[in-house]
Amino acid sequence: MHIIVEGLVQGVGYRWYAAQRAQALGLRGFVRNLYDGTVEVQASGDRSMLEDLIRELKVGPRSARVTNLKIEWGVQGNKPDSHFEIQ
């Protein structure tokens, strides 16, 4: 799954928040800031766990304001190891 998170999501602990939630769900992938002020999340794992992550990403940490998630399912990307990393 590939997600672009829009809103006030950089400089507010959003990447750490996303990585912690994904790790707790047992997902693999990465999260990183993009040059345009959005955050990119790529995650793989069980569909129900991915859907749980989406619910968490819509909220974000207290200091974030998420305005939109652009979600693509079935995106093939790098196959990360058995962890979720912040880039």
C-alpha atoms as a PDB file:
ATOM      1  CA  MET A   1       0.000   0.000   0.000  1.00  0.00           C
ATOM      2  CA  HIS A   2       1.248   3.483  -0.823  1.00  0.00           C
ATOM      3  CA  ILE A   3      -0.087   6.575   0.957  1.00  0.00           C
ATOM      4  CA  ILE A   4       0.548  10.287   0.621  1.00  0.00           C
ATOM      5  CA  VAL A   5      -0.498  12.170   3.750  1.00  0.00           C
ATOM      6  CA  GLU A   6      -1.432  15.820   3.295  1.00  0.00           C
ATOM      7  CA  GLY A   7      -1.839  18.573   5.869  1.00  0.00           C
ATOM      8  CA  LEU A   8       0.358  19.813   8.692  1.00  0.00           C
ATOM      9  CA  VAL A   9       2.409  16.607   8.889  1.00  0.00           C
ATOM     10  CA  GLN A  10       6.062  17.671   8.824  1.00  0.00           C
ATOM     11  CA  GLY A  11       7.893  18.905  11.891  1.00  0.00           C
ATOM     12  CA  VAL A  12       5.212  17.539  14.240  1.00  0.00           C
ATOM     13  CA  GLY A  13       6.425  13.978  14.916  1.00  0.00           C
ATOM     14  CA  TYR A  14       4.242  12.435  12.237  1.00  0.00           C
ATOM     15  CA  ARG A  15       6.911  10.078  10.816  1.00  0.00           C
ATOM     16  CA  TRP A  16       7.728   8.739  14.268  1.00  0.00           C
ATOM     17  CA  TYR A  17       4.003   8.316  15.014  1.00  0.00           C
ATOM     18  CA  ALA A  18       3.389   6.459  11.734  1.00  0.00           C
ATOM     19  CA  ALA A  19       6.399   4.188  12.222  1.00  0.00           C
ATOM     20  CA  GLN A  20       5.386   3.323  15.796  1.00  0.00           C
ATOM     21  CA  ARG A  21       1.833   2.464  14.731  1.00  0.00           C
ATOM     22  CA  ALA A  22       3.018   0.380  11.764  1.00  0.00           C
ATOM     23  CA  GLN A  23       5.545  -1.520  13.888  1.00  0.00           C
ATOM     24  CA  ALA A  24       2.895  -2.246  16.522  1.00  0.00           C
ATOM     25  CA  LEU A  25       0.714  -3.744  13.766  1.00  0.00           C
ATOM     26  CA  GLY A  26       3.581  -5.896  12.479  1.00  0.00           C
ATOM     27  CA  LEU A  27       3.798  -4.138   9.120  1.00  0.00           C
ATOM     28  CA  ARG A  28       6.878  -3.668   6.956  1.00  0.00           C
ATOM     29  CA  GLY A  29       7.767  -0.570   4.992  1.00  0.00           C
ATOM     30  CA  PHE A  30       8.891   3.005   5.434  1.00  0.00           C
ATOM     31  CA  VAL A  31       7.748   6.547   6.066  1.00  0.00           C
ATOM     32  CA  ARG A  32       9.485   9.697   4.816  1.00  0.00           C
ATOM     33  CA  ASN A  33       8.966  13.415   4.281  1.00  0.00           C
ATOM     34  CA  LEU A  34       8.567  14.642   0.722  1.00  0.00           C
ATOM     35  CA  TYR A  35       9.771  17.986  -0.639  1.00  0.00           C
ATOM     36  CA  ASP A  36       6.210  19.319  -1.050  1.00  0.00           C
ATOM     37  CA  GLY A  37       5.359  19.112   2.668  1.00  0.00           C
ATOM     38  CA  THR A  38       3.555  15.779   2.500  1.00  0.00           C
ATOM     39  CA  VAL A  39       4.546  12.476   4.094  1.00  0.00           C
ATOM     40  CA  GLU A  40       4.894   9.260   2.098  1.00  0.00           C
ATOM     41  CA  VAL A  41       4.090   5.891   3.665  1.00  0.00           C
ATOM     42  CA  GLN A  42       4.679   2.542   1.995  1.00  0.00           C
ATOM     43  CA  ALA A  43       3.491  -0.469   3.968  1.00  0.00           C
ATOM     44  CA  SER A  44       2.952  -4.158   3.407  1.00  0.00           C
ATOM     45  CA  GLY A  45       1.279  -6.811   5.500  1.00  0.00           C
ATOM     46  CA  ASP A  46      -2.140  -8.216   6.303  1.00  0.00           C
ATOM     47  CA  ARG A  47      -4.977  -6.178   4.748  1.00  0.00           C
ATOM     48  CA  SER A  48      -6.834  -5.761   8.043  1.00  0.00           C
ATOM     49  CA  MET A  49      -3.658  -4.424   9.684  1.00  0.00           C
ATOM     50  CA  LEU A  50      -3.147  -2.026   6.776  1.00  0.00           C
ATOM     51  CA  GLU A  51      -6.700  -0.768   7.227  1.00  0.00           C
ATOM     52  CA  ASP A  52      -5.974  -0.253  10.942  1.00  0.00           C
ATOM     53  CA  LEU A  53      -2.894   1.776   9.976  1.00  0.00           C
ATOM     54  CA  ILE A  54      -5.001   3.945   7.659  1.00  0.00           C
ATOM     55  CA  ARG A  55      -7.334   4.760  10.559  1.00  0.00           C
ATOM     56  CA  GLU A  56      -4.328   5.737  12.696  1.00  0.00           C
ATOM     57  CA  LEU A  57      -2.754   7.832   9.926  1.00  0.00           C
ATOM     58  CA  LYS A  58      -5.972   9.827   9.488  1.00  0.00           C
ATOM     59  CA  VAL A  59      -5.616  11.006  13.093  1.00  0.00           C
ATOM     60  CA  GLY A  60      -1.844  11.418  13.462  1.00  0.00           C
ATOM     61  CA  PRO A  61      -0.120  12.782  16.559  1.00  0.00           C
ATOM     62  CA  ARG A  62      -1.765  15.545  18.568  1.00  0.00           C
ATOM     63  CA  SER A  63       0.212  18.355  16.895  1.00  0.00           C
ATOM     64  CA  ALA A  64      -0.561  17.205  13.328  1.00  0.00           C
ATOM     65  CA  ARG A  65      -3.533  18.158  11.187  1.00  0.00           C
ATOM     66  CA  VAL A  66      -4.208  15.580   8.495  1.00  0.00           C
ATOM     67  CA  THR A  67      -6.369  16.939   5.683  1.00  0.00           C
ATOM     68  CA  ASN A  68      -6.219  14.075   3.170  1.00  0.00           C
ATOM     69  CA  LEU A  69      -4.812  10.617   2.501  1.00  0.00           C
ATOM     70  CA  LYS A  70      -4.152   9.501  -1.074  1.00  0.00           C
ATOM     71  CA  ILE A  71      -4.150   5.703  -0.941  1.00  0.00           C
ATOM     72  CA  GLU A  72      -3.048   3.236  -3.623  1.00  0.00           C
ATOM     73  CA  TRP A  73      -3.481  -0.477  -2.973  1.00  0.00           C
ATOM     74  CA  GLY A  74      -1.341  -3.199  -4.477  1.00  0.00           C
ATOM     75  CA  VAL A  75       1.652  -0.970  -5.180  1.00  0.00           C
ATOM     76  CA  GLN A  76       4.866  -2.953  -5.585  1.00  0.00           C
ATOM     77  CA  GLY A  77       7.913  -1.297  -4.162  1.00  0.00           C
ATOM     78  CA  ASN A  78      11.066  -2.200  -2.340  1.00  0.00           C
ATOM     79  CA  LYS A  79      10.639  -5.263  -0.167  1.00  0.00           C
ATOM     80  CA  PRO A  80      11.798  -4.075   3.241  1.00  0.00           C
ATOM     81  CA  ASP A  81      13.109  -6.392   5.916  1.00  0.00           C
ATOM     82  CA  SER A  82      10.883  -7.393   8.788  1.00  0.00           C
ATOM     83  CA  HIS A  83      10.600  -3.865  10.170  1.00  0.00           C
ATOM     84  CA  PHE A  84       9.212  -0.434   9.484  1.00  0.00           C
ATOM     85  CA  GLU A  85      11.718   2.382   9.083  1.00  0.00           C
ATOM     86  CA  ILE A  86      11.814   6.146   9.102  1.00  0.00           C
ATOM     87  CA  GLN A  87      13.719   7.587   6.158  1.00  0.00           C
END
